[in-house]
C-alpha atoms as a PDB file:
ATOM      1  CA  UNK A   1     168.587-124.955 172.950  1.00  0.00           C
ATOM      2  CA  UNK A   2     165.978-124.763 175.794  1.00  0.00           C
ATOM      3  CA  UNK A   3     166.450-124.660 179.329  1.00  0.00           C
ATOM      4  CA  UNK A   4     164.882-126.550 182.166  1.00  0.00           C
ATOM      5  CA  UNK A   5     165.724-125.542 185.677  1.00  0.00           C
ATOM      6  CA  UNK A   6     163.852-126.956 188.584  1.00  0.00           C
ATOM      7  CA  UNK A   7     162.476-124.301 191.051  1.00  0.00           C
ATOM      8  CA  UNK A   8     161.903-124.790 194.730  1.00  0.00           C
ATOM      9  CA  UNK A   9     159.503-122.078 196.637  1.00  0.00           C
ATOM     10  CA  UNK A  10     160.355-121.496 199.789  1.00  0.00           C
ATOM     11  CA  UNK A  11     158.379-118.907 202.188  1.00  0.00           C
ATOM     12  CA  UNK A  12     158.498-117.867 205.871  1.00  0.00           C
ATOM     13  CA  UNK A  13     155.322-119.674 206.661  1.00  0.00           C
ATOM     14  CA  UNK A  14     155.789-123.529 207.501  1.00  0.00           C
ATOM     15  CA  UNK A  15     154.635-124.700 203.852  1.00  0.00           C
ATOM     16  CA  UNK A  16     157.181-125.525 201.314  1.00  0.00           C
ATOM     17  CA  UNK A  17     156.326-126.141 197.945  1.00  0.00           C
ATOM     18  CA  UNK A  18     157.738-129.066 195.984  1.00  0.00           C
ATOM     19  CA  UNK A  19     160.215-128.176 193.168  1.00  0.00           C
ATOM     20  CA  UNK A  20     158.778-127.793 189.351  1.00  0.00           C
ATOM     21  CA  UNK A  21     160.477-127.399 186.086  1.00  0.00           C
ATOM     22  CA  UNK A  22     161.170-124.383 184.237  1.00  0.00           C
ATOM     23  CA  UNK A  23     161.061-124.515 180.448  1.00  0.00           C
ATOM     24  CA  UNK A  24     161.691-122.272 177.672  1.00  0.00           C
ATOM     25  CA  UNK A  25     160.768-122.806 173.991  1.00  0.00           C
ATOM     26  CA  UNK A  26     162.673-123.727 170.865  1.00  0.00           C
ATOM     27  CA  UNK A  27     161.883-125.420 167.630  1.00  0.00           C
ATOM     28  CA  UNK A  28     163.453-128.827 168.625  1.00  0.00           C
ATOM     29  CA  UNK A  29     160.748-129.185 171.207  1.00  0.00           C
ATOM     30  CA  UNK A  30     158.079-129.282 168.037  1.00  0.00           C
ATOM     31  CA  UNK A  31     156.306-132.718 167.683  1.00  0.00           C
ATOM     32  CA  UNK A  32     156.241-134.208 165.277  1.00  0.00           C
ATOM     33  CA  UNK A  33     158.809-132.147 163.459  1.00  0.00           C
ATOM     34  CA  UNK A  34     157.063-132.522 160.044  1.00  0.00           C
ATOM     35  CA  UNK A  35     153.797-130.678 161.764  1.00  0.00           C
ATOM     36  CA  UNK A  36     151.284-133.132 160.168  1.00  0.00           C
ATOM     37  CA  UNK A  37     148.461-131.921 162.437  1.00  0.00           C
ATOM     38  CA  UNK A  38     145.282-129.752 162.237  1.00  0.00           C
ATOM     39  CA  UNK A  39     144.258-127.856 165.510  1.00  0.00           C
ATOM     40  CA  UNK A  40     145.590-130.245 167.952  1.00  0.00           C
ATOM     41  CA  UNK A  41     143.759-128.488 170.815  1.00  0.00           C
ATOM     42  CA  UNK A  42     143.786-131.782 173.355  1.00  0.00           C
ATOM     43  CA  UNK A  43     145.314-135.274 173.568  1.00  0.00           C
ATOM     44  CA  UNK A  44     146.255-138.262 175.646  1.00  0.00           C
ATOM     45  CA  UNK A  45     148.560-140.780 176.242  1.00  0.00           C
ATOM     46  CA  UNK A  46     147.224-144.230 175.848  1.00  0.00           C
ATOM     47  CA  UNK A  47     149.177-147.082 178.005  1.00  0.00           C
ATOM     48  CA  UNK A  48     151.095-148.739 175.395  1.00  0.00           C
ATOM     49  CA  UNK A  49     152.805-145.379 174.761  1.00  0.00           C
ATOM     50  CA  UNK A  50     150.932-144.295 171.609  1.00  0.00           C
ATOM     51  CA  UNK A  51     149.559-140.528 171.631  1.00  0.00           C
ATOM     52  CA  UNK A  52     146.112-139.682 170.464  1.00  0.00           C
ATOM     53  CA  UNK A  53     145.247-135.816 170.040  1.00  0.00           C
ATOM     54  CA  UNK A  54     142.592-133.826 168.346  1.00  0.00           C
ATOM     55  CA  UNK A  55     142.512-133.177 164.608  1.00  0.00           C
ATOM     56  CA  UNK A  56     139.657-131.035 162.849  1.00  0.00           C
ATOM     57  CA  UNK A  57     139.742-133.199 159.819  1.00  0.00           C
ATOM     58  CA  UNK A  58     139.407-136.841 161.016  1.00  0.00           C
ATOM     59  CA  UNK A  59     138.374-136.354 164.747  1.00  0.00           C
ATOM     60  CA  UNK A  60     141.546-137.893 165.972  1.00  0.00           C
ATOM     61  CA  UNK A  61     145.189-138.759 165.042  1.00  0.00           C
ATOM     62  CA  UNK A  62     147.162-141.458 166.240  1.00  0.00           C
ATOM     63  CA  UNK A  63     151.112-140.504 166.780  1.00  0.00           C
ATOM     64  CA  UNK A  64     153.506-143.427 167.361  1.00  0.00           C
ATOM     65  CA  UNK A  65     157.258-141.854 167.197  1.00  0.00           C
ATOM     66  CA  UNK A  66     158.134-138.684 165.086  1.00  0.00           C
ATOM     67  CA  UNK A  67     157.798-140.488 161.921  1.00  0.00           C
ATOM     68  CA  UNK A  68     154.205-142.174 161.969  1.00  0.00           C
ATOM     69  CA  UNK A  69     150.821-140.862 162.405  1.00  0.00           C
ATOM     70  CA  UNK A  70     147.556-141.515 160.978  1.00  0.00           C
ATOM     71  CA  UNK A  71     143.848-140.766 161.413  1.00  0.00           C
ATOM     72  CA  UNK A  72     142.522-142.701 164.383  1.00  0.00           C
ATOM     73  CA  UNK A  73     138.621-143.880 165.110  1.00  0.00           C
ATOM     74  CA  UNK A  74     135.799-144.141 162.649  1.00  0.00           C
ATOM     75  CA  UNK A  75     134.276-140.857 163.103  1.00  0.00           C
ATOM     76  CA  UNK A  76     132.914-140.371 159.529  1.00  0.00           C
ATOM     77  CA  UNK A  77     130.744-143.587 160.206  1.00  0.00           C
ATOM     78  CA  UNK A  78     129.750-141.846 163.286  1.00  0.00           C
ATOM     79  CA  UNK A  79     128.747-138.689 161.463  1.00  0.00           C
ATOM     80  CA  UNK A  80     131.357-136.216 162.117  1.00  0.00           C
ATOM     81  CA  UNK A  81     131.952-133.779 158.769  1.00  0.00           C
ATOM     82  CA  UNK A  82     134.694-131.692 158.454  1.00  0.00           C
ATOM     83  CA  UNK A  83     133.995-129.713 154.791  1.00  0.00           C
ATOM     84  CA  UNK A  84     135.025-125.995 155.759  1.00  0.00           C
ATOM     85  CA  UNK A  85     134.095-123.206 155.796  1.00  0.00           C
ATOM     86  CA  UNK A  86     130.439-124.925 156.306  1.00  0.00           C
ATOM     87  CA  UNK A  87     130.545-127.178 158.443  1.00  0.00           C
ATOM     88  CA  UNK A  88     133.562-127.238 160.074  1.00  0.00           C
ATOM     89  CA  UNK A  89     134.362-129.936 162.178  1.00  0.00           C
ATOM     90  CA  UNK A  90     135.287-128.920 165.702  1.00  0.00           C
ATOM     91  CA  UNK A  91     136.565-131.771 167.795  1.00  0.00           C
ATOM     92  CA  UNK A  92     138.504-130.527 170.684  1.00  0.00           C
ATOM     93  CA  UNK A  93     137.864-132.301 174.044  1.00  0.00           C
ATOM     94  CA  UNK A  94     139.930-135.923 174.366  1.00  0.00           C
ATOM     95  CA  UNK A  95     139.618-137.697 177.580  1.00  0.00           C
ATOM     96  CA  UNK A  96     140.629-140.981 178.579  1.00  0.00           C
ATOM     97  CA  UNK A  97     138.475-143.105 181.056  1.00  0.00           C
ATOM     98  CA  UNK A  98     139.605-144.706 183.755  1.00  0.00           C
ATOM     99  CA  UNK A  99     139.399-147.883 182.016  1.00  0.00           C
ATOM    100  CA  UNK A 100     142.032-146.619 180.042  1.00  0.00           C
ATOM    101  CA  UNK A 101     140.570-147.928 177.034  1.00  0.00           C
ATOM    102  CA  UNK A 102     137.925-145.408 175.833  1.00  0.00           C
ATOM    103  CA  UNK A 103     137.992-142.113 174.985  1.00  0.00           C
ATOM    104  CA  UNK A 104     135.486-139.604 175.178  1.00  0.00           C
ATOM    105  CA  UNK A 105     135.781-136.813 172.406  1.00  0.00           C
ATOM    106  CA  UNK A 106     133.686-133.399 172.222  1.00  0.00           C
ATOM    107  CA  UNK A 107     133.146-130.912 169.288  1.00  0.00           C
ATOM    108  CA  UNK A 108     132.902-127.372 170.211  1.00  0.00           C
ATOM    109  CA  UNK A 109     131.408-126.408 167.190  1.00  0.00           C
ATOM    110  CA  UNK A 110     128.224-129.082 166.752  1.00  0.00           C
ATOM    111  CA  UNK A 111     127.972-130.262 170.747  1.00  0.00           C
ATOM    112  CA  UNK A 112     128.638-134.092 170.011  1.00  0.00           C
ATOM    113  CA  UNK A 113     130.282-136.272 172.221  1.00  0.00           C
ATOM    114  CA  UNK A 114     131.587-139.369 170.816  1.00  0.00           C
ATOM    115  CA  UNK A 115     133.305-142.447 172.699  1.00  0.00           C
ATOM    116  CA  UNK A 116     136.035-144.467 170.960  1.00  0.00           C
ATOM    117  CA  UNK A 117     137.251-147.748 171.916  1.00  0.00           C
ATOM    118  CA  UNK A 118     141.279-147.425 171.508  1.00  0.00           C
ATOM    119  CA  UNK A 119     141.774-151.268 170.626  1.00  0.00           C
ATOM    120  CA  UNK A 120     139.168-151.327 168.051  1.00  0.00           C
ATOM    121  CA  UNK A 121     138.638-147.924 167.080  1.00  0.00           C
ATOM    122  CA  UNK A 122     134.801-148.059 167.142  1.00  0.00           C
ATOM    123  CA  UNK A 123     133.161-144.704 167.640  1.00  0.00           C
ATOM    124  CA  UNK A 124     129.950-143.978 168.769  1.00  0.00           C
ATOM    125  CA  UNK A 125     127.856-140.705 169.169  1.00  0.00           C
ATOM    126  CA  UNK A 126     126.984-140.900 172.696  1.00  0.00           C
ATOM    127  CA  UNK A 127     125.169-137.372 173.467  1.00  0.00           C
ATOM    128  CA  UNK A 128     124.388-134.361 171.125  1.00  0.00           C
ATOM    129  CA  UNK A 129     124.083-131.370 173.091  1.00  0.00           C
ATOM    130  CA  UNK A 130     122.123-128.341 171.649  1.00  0.00           C
ATOM    131  CA  UNK A 131     125.451-125.914 172.166  1.00  0.00           C
ATOM    132  CA  UNK A 132     129.044-126.708 171.557  1.00  0.00           C
ATOM    133  CA  UNK A 133     131.235-128.841 173.995  1.00  0.00           C
ATOM    134  CA  UNK A 134     134.141-127.550 175.068  1.00  0.00           C
ATOM    135  CA  UNK A 135     135.824-129.924 177.500  1.00  0.00           C
ATOM    136  CA  UNK A 136     134.962-133.377 178.965  1.00  0.00           C
ATOM    137  CA  UNK A 137     135.514-135.411 182.013  1.00  0.00           C
ATOM    138  CA  UNK A 138     134.183-138.617 183.242  1.00  0.00           C
ATOM    139  CA  UNK A 139     134.128-139.782 186.617  1.00  0.00           C
ATOM    140  CA  UNK A 140     134.669-143.140 188.317  1.00  0.00           C
ATOM    141  CA  UNK A 141     130.956-143.641 188.862  1.00  0.00           C
ATOM    142  CA  UNK A 142     130.458-143.036 185.127  1.00  0.00           C
ATOM    143  CA  UNK A 143     128.843-139.415 185.016  1.00  0.00           C
ATOM    144  CA  UNK A 144     130.143-137.505 182.478  1.00  0.00           C
ATOM    145  CA  UNK A 145     130.486-133.772 183.119  1.00  0.00           C
ATOM    146  CA  UNK A 146     131.405-131.324 180.202  1.00  0.00           C
ATOM    147  CA  UNK A 147     131.413-127.441 179.735  1.00  0.00           C
ATOM    148  CA  UNK A 148     129.517-125.419 177.116  1.00  0.00           C
ATOM    149  CA  UNK A 149     131.675-122.080 176.432  1.00  0.00           C
ATOM    150  CA  UNK A 150     128.564-120.346 175.222  1.00  0.00           C
ATOM    151  CA  UNK A 151     125.350-121.027 173.353  1.00  0.00           C
ATOM    152  CA  UNK A 152     126.835-121.617 169.838  1.00  0.00           C
ATOM    153  CA  UNK A 153     124.382-123.873 167.696  1.00  0.00           C
ATOM    154  CA  UNK A 154     125.489-126.450 165.322  1.00  0.00           C
ATOM    155  CA  UNK A 155     124.634-124.228 162.286  1.00  0.00           C
ATOM    156  CA  UNK A 156     126.405-121.020 163.767  1.00  0.00           C
ATOM    157  CA  UNK A 157     129.148-123.246 166.110  1.00  0.00           C
ATOM    158  CA  UNK A 158     132.129-121.370 164.995  1.00  0.00           C
ATOM    159  CA  UNK A 159     130.908-117.770 164.577  1.00  0.00           C
ATOM    160  CA  UNK A 160     129.276-117.432 167.668  1.00  0.00           C
ATOM    161  CA  UNK A 161     131.881-119.397 169.701  1.00  0.00           C
ATOM    162  CA  UNK A 162     134.289-116.538 168.687  1.00  0.00           C
ATOM    163  CA  UNK A 163     131.852-113.797 168.970  1.00  0.00           C
ATOM    164  CA  UNK A 164     131.869-114.674 172.804  1.00  0.00           C
ATOM    165  CA  UNK A 165     135.540-114.562 172.777  1.00  0.00           C
ATOM    166  CA  UNK A 166     135.120-110.919 171.088  1.00  0.00           C
ATOM    167  CA  UNK A 167     132.583-109.635 173.535  1.00  0.00           C
ATOM    168  CA  UNK A 168     132.047-111.834 176.369  1.00  0.00           C
ATOM    169  CA  UNK A 169     128.589-113.148 177.260  1.00  0.00           C
ATOM    170  CA  UNK A 170     127.703-115.248 180.578  1.00  0.00           C
ATOM    171  CA  UNK A 171     126.320-118.131 178.513  1.00  0.00           C
ATOM    172  CA  UNK A 172     128.904-120.727 179.811  1.00  0.00           C
ATOM    173  CA  UNK A 173     127.972-123.719 182.041  1.00  0.00           C
ATOM    174  CA  UNK A 174     129.075-127.019 183.429  1.00  0.00           C
ATOM    175  CA  UNK A 175     126.568-129.970 182.647  1.00  0.00           C
ATOM    176  CA  UNK A 176     126.506-133.800 183.911  1.00  0.00           C
ATOM    177  CA  UNK A 177     124.994-136.875 182.248  1.00  0.00           C
ATOM    178  CA  UNK A 178     124.358-139.996 184.591  1.00  0.00           C
ATOM    179  CA  UNK A 179     126.137-143.045 183.829  1.00  0.00           C
ATOM    180  CA  UNK A 180     124.319-144.517 180.642  1.00  0.00           C
ATOM    181  CA  UNK A 181     126.673-146.658 178.793  1.00  0.00           C
ATOM    182  CA  UNK A 182     127.471-146.177 175.074  1.00  0.00           C
ATOM    183  CA  UNK A 183     124.355-144.247 174.405  1.00  0.00           C
ATOM    184  CA  UNK A 184     122.669-141.253 176.214  1.00  0.00           C
ATOM    185  CA  UNK A 185     119.190-140.064 174.861  1.00  0.00           C
ATOM    186  CA  UNK A 186     118.467-138.226 178.374  1.00  0.00           C
ATOM    187  CA  UNK A 187     119.125-134.197 178.392  1.00  0.00           C
ATOM    188  CA  UNK A 188     122.287-133.193 180.327  1.00  0.00           C
ATOM    189  CA  UNK A 189     121.790-131.450 183.698  1.00  0.00           C
ATOM    190  CA  UNK A 190     123.119-127.863 184.054  1.00  0.00           C
ATOM    191  CA  UNK A 191     125.139-127.835 187.263  1.00  0.00           C
ATOM    192  CA  UNK A 192     126.993-124.509 187.036  1.00  0.00           C
ATOM    193  CA  UNK A 193     125.448-121.610 185.152  1.00  0.00           C
ATOM    194  CA  UNK A 194     126.508-117.835 183.963  1.00  0.00           C
ATOM    195  CA  UNK A 195     130.046-118.472 183.085  1.00  0.00           C
ATOM    196  CA  UNK A 196     131.972-116.422 180.929  1.00  0.00           C
ATOM    197  CA  UNK A 197     133.493-118.882 178.425  1.00  0.00           C
ATOM    198  CA  UNK A 198     133.548-122.080 180.289  1.00  0.00           C
ATOM    199  CA  UNK A 199     136.362-124.111 179.119  1.00  0.00           C
ATOM    200  CA  UNK A 200     138.790-126.651 180.864  1.00  0.00           C
ATOM    201  CA  UNK A 201     137.388-129.262 183.139  1.00  0.00           C
ATOM    202  CA  UNK A 202     139.096-131.556 185.376  1.00  0.00           C
ATOM    203  CA  UNK A 203     138.885-133.518 188.539  1.00  0.00           C
ATOM    204  CA  UNK A 204     141.692-133.802 191.378  1.00  0.00           C
ATOM    205  CA  UNK A 205     142.567-137.360 192.132  1.00  0.00           C
ATOM    206  CA  UNK A 206     140.177-137.727 194.859  1.00  0.00           C
ATOM    207  CA  UNK A 207     137.468-136.750 192.690  1.00  0.00           C
ATOM    208  CA  UNK A 208     136.424-134.389 195.524  1.00  0.00           C
ATOM    209  CA  UNK A 209     137.080-131.171 193.443  1.00  0.00           C
ATOM    210  CA  UNK A 210     136.166-130.119 190.156  1.00  0.00           C
ATOM    211  CA  UNK A 211     138.294-127.179 188.422  1.00  0.00           C
ATOM    212  CA  UNK A 212     136.753-125.328 185.551  1.00  0.00           C
ATOM    213  CA  UNK A 213     138.494-122.585 183.566  1.00  0.00           C
ATOM    214  CA  UNK A 214     136.323-119.408 183.058  1.00  0.00           C
ATOM    215  CA  UNK A 215     138.409-118.159 179.972  1.00  0.00           C
ATOM    216  CA  UNK A 216     136.926-114.682 179.633  1.00  0.00           C
ATOM    217  CA  UNK A 217     137.281-113.852 183.432  1.00  0.00           C
ATOM    218  CA  UNK A 218     140.844-114.697 183.581  1.00  0.00           C
ATOM    219  CA  UNK A 219     140.061-117.244 186.570  1.00  0.00           C
ATOM    220  CA  UNK A 220     140.057-120.817 187.472  1.00  0.00           C
ATOM    221  CA  UNK A 221     137.173-121.890 189.733  1.00  0.00           C
ATOM    222  CA  UNK A 222     137.025-125.059 192.159  1.00  0.00           C
ATOM    223  CA  UNK A 223     134.143-126.577 193.414  1.00  0.00           C
ATOM    224  CA  UNK A 224     133.309-129.280 195.854  1.00  0.00           C
ATOM    225  CA  UNK A 225     131.810-132.118 194.260  1.00  0.00           C
ATOM    226  CA  UNK A 226     129.926-135.477 195.542  1.00  0.00           C
ATOM    227  CA  UNK A 227     130.227-138.262 192.458  1.00  0.00           C
ATOM    228  CA  UNK A 228     127.923-140.314 194.311  1.00  0.00           C
ATOM    229  CA  UNK A 229     124.969-138.215 194.176  1.00  0.00           C
ATOM    230  CA  UNK A 230     125.987-135.578 191.637  1.00  0.00           C
ATOM    231  CA  UNK A 231     126.269-132.605 193.854  1.00  0.00           C
ATOM    232  CA  UNK A 232     128.309-129.598 193.150  1.00  0.00           C
ATOM    233  CA  UNK A 233     128.958-127.145 195.839  1.00  0.00           C
ATOM    234  CA  UNK A 234     131.470-124.409 197.564  1.00  0.00           C
ATOM    235  CA  UNK A 235     132.341-122.642 194.525  1.00  0.00           C
ATOM    236  CA  UNK A 236     135.821-120.426 194.957  1.00  0.00           C
ATOM    237  CA  UNK A 237     137.940-118.522 192.704  1.00  0.00           C
ATOM    238  CA  UNK A 238     141.057-120.968 192.741  1.00  0.00           C
ATOM    239  CA  UNK A 239     143.583-119.133 190.681  1.00  0.00           C
ATOM    240  CA  UNK A 240     143.476-116.058 188.506  1.00  0.00           C
ATOM    241  CA  UNK A 241     145.361-116.812 185.151  1.00  0.00           C
ATOM    242  CA  UNK A 242     145.283-115.013 181.957  1.00  0.00           C
ATOM    243  CA  UNK A 243     142.710-116.733 179.636  1.00  0.00           C
ATOM    244  CA  UNK A 244     142.774-120.272 181.518  1.00  0.00           C
ATOM    245  CA  UNK A 245     142.239-122.869 178.773  1.00  0.00           C
ATOM    246  CA  UNK A 246     142.334-126.997 179.466  1.00  0.00           C
ATOM    247  CA  UNK A 247     143.679-128.111 182.438  1.00  0.00           C
ATOM    248  CA  UNK A 248     145.593-131.372 183.953  1.00  0.00           C
ATOM    249  CA  UNK A 249     146.324-132.837 187.166  1.00  0.00           C
ATOM    250  CA  UNK A 250     149.685-134.480 187.638  1.00  0.00           C
ATOM    251  CA  UNK A 251     150.606-137.774 189.678  1.00  0.00           C
ATOM    252  CA  UNK A 252     151.093-135.289 192.708  1.00  0.00           C
ATOM    253  CA  UNK A 253     147.666-133.837 192.371  1.00  0.00           C
ATOM    254  CA  UNK A 254     148.855-130.607 191.179  1.00  0.00           C
ATOM    255  CA  UNK A 255     146.794-128.546 189.045  1.00  0.00           C
ATOM    256  CA  UNK A 256     148.434-127.590 185.682  1.00  0.00           C
ATOM    257  CA  UNK A 257     146.817-124.642 183.766  1.00  0.00           C
ATOM    258  CA  UNK A 258     147.192-123.581 179.693  1.00  0.00           C
ATOM    259  CA  UNK A 259     147.218-119.848 179.475  1.00  0.00           C
ATOM    260  CA  UNK A 260     145.907-119.354 175.985  1.00  0.00           C
ATOM    261  CA  UNK A 261     146.967-115.546 175.895  1.00  0.00           C
ATOM    262  CA  UNK A 262     149.894-115.662 178.320  1.00  0.00           C
ATOM    263  CA  UNK A 263     151.727-118.329 176.075  1.00  0.00           C
ATOM    264  CA  UNK A 264     152.521-120.019 179.232  1.00  0.00           C
ATOM    265  CA  UNK A 265     151.677-123.188 181.478  1.00  0.00           C
ATOM    266  CA  UNK A 266     151.619-122.469 185.256  1.00  0.00           C
ATOM    267  CA  UNK A 267     151.036-125.171 187.913  1.00  0.00           C
ATOM    268  CA  UNK A 268     149.472-124.619 191.504  1.00  0.00           C
ATOM    269  CA  UNK A 269     150.848-126.756 193.785  1.00  0.00           C
ATOM    270  CA  UNK A 270     148.876-129.142 196.093  1.00  0.00           C
ATOM    271  CA  UNK A 271     151.154-128.448 198.965  1.00  0.00           C
ATOM    272  CA  UNK A 272     150.945-124.523 199.476  1.00  0.00           C
ATOM    273  CA  UNK A 273     148.716-123.501 196.596  1.00  0.00           C
ATOM    274  CA  UNK A 274     151.629-121.737 195.213  1.00  0.00           C
ATOM    275  CA  UNK A 275     151.712-121.007 191.535  1.00  0.00           C
ATOM    276  CA  UNK A 276     154.866-122.108 189.347  1.00  0.00           C
ATOM    277  CA  UNK A 277     155.217-120.755 185.490  1.00  0.00           C
ATOM    278  CA  UNK A 278     156.772-123.966 184.248  1.00  0.00           C
ATOM    279  CA  UNK A 279     156.731-123.221 180.885  1.00  0.00           C
ATOM    280  CA  UNK A 280     156.464-119.449 178.948  1.00  0.00           C
ATOM    281  CA  UNK A 281     157.290-118.298 175.451  1.00  0.00           C
ATOM    282  CA  UNK A 282     158.289-114.359 175.037  1.00  0.00           C
ATOM    283  CA  UNK A 283     158.663-112.137 172.389  1.00  0.00           C
ATOM    284  CA  UNK A 284     158.188-108.456 171.799  1.00  0.00           C
ATOM    285  CA  UNK A 285     155.064-108.939 169.656  1.00  0.00           C
ATOM    286  CA  UNK A 286     153.251-111.287 172.207  1.00  0.00           C
ATOM    287  CA  UNK A 287     154.106-108.892 174.863  1.00  0.00           C
ATOM    288  CA  UNK A 288     152.395-106.125 172.960  1.00  0.00           C
ATOM    289  CA  UNK A 289     149.532-108.574 172.186  1.00  0.00           C
ATOM    290  CA  UNK A 290     148.990-109.159 175.807  1.00  0.00           C
ATOM    291  CA  UNK A 291     149.005-105.397 176.504  1.00  0.00           C
ATOM    292  CA  UNK A 292     146.295-104.874 173.992  1.00  0.00           C
ATOM    293  CA  UNK A 293     144.385-107.747 175.017  1.00  0.00           C
ATOM    294  CA  UNK A 294     144.408-106.598 178.517  1.00  0.00           C
ATOM    295  CA  UNK A 295     143.377-102.748 177.844  1.00  0.00           C
ATOM    296  CA  UNK A 296     140.387-104.001 175.535  1.00  0.00           C
ATOM    297  CA  UNK A 297     139.277-106.258 178.015  1.00  0.00           C
ATOM    298  CA  UNK A 298     139.078-103.719 180.936  1.00  0.00           C
ATOM    299  CA  UNK A 299     137.386-101.495 178.654  1.00  0.00           C
ATOM    300  CA  UNK A 300     134.884-103.871 177.173  1.00  0.00           C
ATOM    301  CA  UNK A 301     135.923-103.602 173.936  1.00  0.00           C
ATOM    302  CA  UNK A 302     136.284-106.154 170.812  1.00  0.00           C
ATOM    303  CA  UNK A 303     139.163-108.225 171.498  1.00  0.00           C
ATOM    304  CA  UNK A 304     139.224-110.468 168.283  1.00  0.00           C
ATOM    305  CA  UNK A 305     141.011-107.895 166.098  1.00  0.00           C
ATOM    306  CA  UNK A 306     144.116-108.224 167.827  1.00  0.00           C
ATOM    307  CA  UNK A 307     144.291-112.307 167.237  1.00  0.00           C
ATOM    308  CA  UNK A 308     147.098-112.401 164.700  1.00  0.00           C
ATOM    309  CA  UNK A 309     150.126-114.572 163.897  1.00  0.00           C
ATOM    310  CA  UNK A 310     152.250-112.074 165.942  1.00  0.00           C
ATOM    311  CA  UNK A 311     149.978-112.400 168.822  1.00  0.00           C
ATOM    312  CA  UNK A 312     151.626-116.168 169.793  1.00  0.00           C
ATOM    313  CA  UNK A 313     154.927-115.637 168.405  1.00  0.00           C
ATOM    314  CA  UNK A 314     157.719-117.689 169.056  1.00  0.00           C
ATOM    315  CA  UNK A 315     155.092-120.410 169.227  1.00  0.00           C
ATOM    316  CA  UNK A 316     153.254-122.573 166.486  1.00  0.00           C
ATOM    317  CA  UNK A 317     149.913-120.865 167.321  1.00  0.00           C
ATOM    318  CA  UNK A 318     147.749-120.110 170.562  1.00  0.00           C
ATOM    319  CA  UNK A 319     148.631-122.840 173.448  1.00  0.00           C
ATOM    320  CA  UNK A 320     145.263-124.321 174.470  1.00  0.00           C
ATOM    321  CA  UNK A 321     146.310-127.419 176.959  1.00  0.00           C
ATOM    322  CA  UNK A 322     148.825-130.279 177.916  1.00  0.00           C
ATOM    323  CA  UNK A 323     148.484-133.672 178.752  1.00  0.00           C
ATOM    324  CA  UNK A 324     151.239-136.437 180.444  1.00  0.00           C
ATOM    325  CA  UNK A 325     152.707-139.691 179.116  1.00  0.00           C
ATOM    326  CA  UNK A 326     151.168-142.604 180.614  1.00  0.00           C
ATOM    327  CA  UNK A 327     154.144-142.668 183.202  1.00  0.00           C
ATOM    328  CA  UNK A 328     154.714-138.900 183.536  1.00  0.00           C
ATOM    329  CA  UNK A 329     158.060-138.685 182.297  1.00  0.00           C
ATOM    330  CA  UNK A 330     156.793-136.622 179.557  1.00  0.00           C
ATOM    331  CA  UNK A 331     154.423-133.252 179.327  1.00  0.00           C
ATOM    332  CA  UNK A 332     152.861-132.287 175.775  1.00  0.00           C
ATOM    333  CA  UNK A 333     151.362-128.980 175.036  1.00  0.00           C
ATOM    334  CA  UNK A 334     148.832-129.022 172.626  1.00  0.00           C
ATOM    335  CA  UNK A 335     147.253-125.715 170.500  1.00  0.00           C
ATOM    336  CA  UNK A 336     145.802-124.545 167.490  1.00  0.00           C
ATOM    337  CA  UNK A 337     148.654-124.969 165.000  1.00  0.00           C
ATOM    338  CA  UNK A 338     150.121-128.059 163.338  1.00  0.00           C
ATOM    339  CA  UNK A 339     152.073-129.637 166.036  1.00  0.00           C
ATOM    340  CA  UNK A 340     152.420-129.930 169.717  1.00  0.00           C
ATOM    341  CA  UNK A 341     155.287-129.615 172.008  1.00  0.00           C
ATOM    342  CA  UNK A 342     156.942-132.430 173.915  1.00  0.00           C
ATOM    343  CA  UNK A 343     159.000-131.712 177.089  1.00  0.00           C
ATOM    344  CA  UNK A 344     160.640-134.441 179.409  1.00  0.00           C
ATOM    345  CA  UNK A 345     159.805-134.240 182.927  1.00  0.00           C
ATOM    346  CA  UNK A 346     162.845-133.947 185.517  1.00  0.00           C
ATOM    347  CA  UNK A 347     164.134-137.034 186.572  1.00  0.00           C
ATOM    348  CA  UNK A 348     162.325-137.872 190.269  1.00  0.00           C
ATOM    349  CA  UNK A 349     158.987-135.949 189.386  1.00  0.00           C
END
């Protein structure tokens, strides 16, 4: 059985961090237990308690309890295609807009961004980016912000994406699309350039800061943003993390970071900017993988050869992200496998 403890960090300074849970992994946290999903890299909880996660076969899958799940949205009508190996759908990003009704969904292989009405399941293609779209955020003003990991075009989306993991190149970027309703024909504006695999993106609760994972540089960047005018400034390295992937902000404005290579989730607290490991899954084979991955990274050697099923042991697959239930009493960890993980938040958080 997994263990949950609440850790409090104290320092000699005047700053004292809040307590955070510490979870370990066991099979009981796999959700749903019948493992019906296909690459659920991201997801969101709807206000009525239902969960919606990315699924490469259908676009999205709706989960209601452990026993009911089905395709969600009308992605085929909107042009989504998944007939692997060519073409393979790459739905990955899932963002719930501030109206809590509409979802934005991004495809990392084709660059398409869809908008889904969660009440009617109407699905529309609202933007078609020349390169793959990794992660998406829409601010309260209506501007859409998204990351491009590399210059992977529609015809070589999957191959070029993984080539930029194998030997990193500075073709990642952050783009913005001004508010345009349900359809956008304008070209997105590049606001951050020359990133080594731009990945997760999110804003803090005040929308004064934007966080971006630069995965192949093992760091999360922070920028000051002016959402009224769409301006980005004051770039800084906010935290160093092994291959940071998707990001999430909790109700206390703390930043949660999924570590793809690290088999773990960390939190940077908003009070002291201290780092807390809230989840970690360890094994001998994963430790060996991480050592080899780190060595190859430092030496500039190809890395994809070390990505094997033993690399993420004991997890179902690599960890890519997380999202919270609507009332923040549960956190779900997403990944490249056939299920997600579910953990109850400690009482009082």
